[in-house]
Amino acid sequence: MPKQPPQQPVKLLVLIATLPGRGREQREAYERLAPLVRAEEGCLRYDLHGVADDPDRFVLVEEWTSKAALAAHDATPHMTEADTTSPAFRAGPAQVLELTTAPLG
């Protein structure tokens, strides 16, 4: 049997903007989700940061052990529900940036 290459971790930056004055709802949604997500197999990091001087913008930093772990996360009931409810307070879809495995330089 051929040896499988090791799985590479997946690092994401998720850029989130809420409707004006609705940042509190994003923070509350994150506070409900974070313990569930962090308990998922393969979750290495799930941290929400606010953007300085803009209470309605956020950056979610995620790290997963593999693409399979990330795919399983995306299919969980709590994420499916979050995808259904977040449009009520978000300015639009989140922008997801997948980072290279290692820093450049």
Protein backbone atom coordinates (compact mmCIF):
# COMPACT_ATOMS: atom_id res chain seq x y z
CA MET A 1 0.00 0.00 0.00
CA PRO A 2 1.47 3.43 -0.94
CA LYS A 3 2.30 5.71 1.96
CA GLN A 4 -0.13 8.63 2.29
CA PRO A 5 1.44 12.09 2.44
CA PRO A 6 0.98 13.80 5.80
CA GLN A 7 -2.03 16.07 6.00
CA GLN A 8 -1.22 19.76 6.14
CA PRO A 9 -2.95 22.05 8.62
CA VAL A 10 -5.38 24.59 7.23
CA LYS A 11 -5.18 28.22 8.40
CA LEU A 12 -7.99 30.66 7.67
CA LEU A 13 -8.65 34.34 8.20
CA VAL A 14 -12.35 35.10 8.00
CA LEU A 15 -13.21 38.77 7.48
CA ILE A 16 -16.63 39.66 8.91
CA ALA A 17 -18.60 42.90 8.70
CA THR A 18 -21.90 43.41 10.46
CA LEU A 19 -24.64 45.86 9.68
CA PRO A 20 -24.07 49.22 11.42
CA GLY A 21 -24.54 48.88 15.16
CA ARG A 22 -24.95 45.08 15.05
CA GLY A 23 -21.44 44.03 16.14
CA ARG A 24 -22.74 42.95 19.55
CA GLU A 25 -24.80 40.23 17.85
CA GLN A 26 -21.69 38.89 16.12
CA ARG A 27 -19.82 38.76 19.43
CA GLU A 28 -22.75 36.96 21.09
CA ALA A 29 -23.01 34.43 18.26
CA TYR A 30 -19.27 33.75 18.53
CA GLU A 31 -19.51 33.30 22.32
CA ARG A 32 -22.18 30.61 21.77
CA LEU A 33 -20.27 28.86 18.97
CA ALA A 34 -16.69 28.99 20.23
CA PRO A 35 -16.94 26.24 22.90
CA LEU A 36 -18.67 23.90 20.43
CA VAL A 37 -16.17 24.56 17.65
CA ARG A 38 -13.12 24.29 19.90
CA ALA A 39 -14.38 20.88 21.07
CA GLU A 40 -14.49 19.56 17.50
CA GLU A 41 -11.90 17.02 16.42
CA GLY A 42 -9.18 18.76 14.44
CA CYS A 43 -9.76 22.30 15.72
CA LEU A 44 -6.45 23.89 16.66
CA ARG A 45 -7.59 27.51 16.86
CA TYR A 46 -10.85 29.45 16.69
CA ASP A 47 -10.39 33.07 17.83
CA LEU A 48 -12.44 36.16 17.03
CA HIS A 49 -10.70 39.55 17.02
CA GLY A 50 -12.29 42.95 16.73
CA VAL A 51 -10.94 45.53 14.31
CA ALA A 52 -9.56 48.59 16.13
CA ASP A 53 -11.84 51.62 15.89
CA ASP A 54 -14.66 49.69 14.15
CA PRO A 55 -17.06 47.79 16.44
CA ASP A 56 -18.83 46.26 13.45
CA ARG A 57 -15.82 44.51 11.83
CA PHE A 58 -14.09 41.32 12.94
CA VAL A 59 -11.40 38.84 11.94
CA LEU A 60 -11.89 35.18 12.83
CA VAL A 61 -8.65 33.19 12.96
CA GLU A 62 -9.14 29.45 12.41
CA GLU A 63 -6.66 26.60 12.24
CA TRP A 64 -7.57 22.98 11.51
CA THR A 65 -5.46 19.83 11.40
CA SER A 66 -6.61 19.07 7.84
CA LYS A 67 -9.04 19.94 5.06
CA ALA A 68 -11.11 16.92 6.16
CA ALA A 69 -11.42 18.36 9.68
CA LEU A 70 -12.47 21.72 8.24
CA ALA A 71 -15.05 20.05 5.98
CA ALA A 72 -16.47 18.13 8.96
CA HIS A 73 -16.66 21.42 10.90
CA ASP A 74 -18.55 23.13 8.09
CA ALA A 75 -21.15 20.31 8.14
CA THR A 76 -21.87 20.38 11.89
CA PRO A 77 -25.41 21.32 12.98
CA HIS A 78 -24.17 24.36 14.94
CA MET A 79 -22.38 25.77 11.87
CA THR A 80 -25.36 25.05 9.62
CA GLU A 81 -27.54 26.97 12.06
CA ALA A 82 -25.02 29.84 12.26
CA ASP A 83 -24.99 30.08 8.46
CA THR A 84 -28.78 30.42 8.58
CA THR A 85 -28.98 33.04 11.34
CA SER A 86 -25.93 35.25 10.72
CA PRO A 87 -27.31 37.03 7.61
CA ALA A 88 -29.74 38.83 9.94
CA PHE A 89 -26.90 40.93 11.39
CA ARG A 90 -24.09 40.68 8.83
CA ALA A 91 -23.48 43.23 6.10
CA GLY A 92 -22.78 40.41 3.61
CA PRO A 93 -21.06 37.06 3.34
CA ALA A 94 -17.82 36.65 5.24
CA GLN A 95 -14.65 36.72 3.16
CA VAL A 96 -12.57 33.59 3.79
CA LEU A 97 -8.83 33.70 3.11
CA GLU A 98 -6.84 30.46 3.25
CA LEU A 99 -3.24 31.15 4.24
CA THR A 100 -0.18 29.32 2.99
CA THR A 101 1.02 26.58 5.32
CA ALA A 102 4.25 28.32 6.28
CA PRO A 103 5.04 32.03 6.55
CA LEU A 104 6.89 33.52 3.61
CA GLY A 105 10.53 34.45 4.11
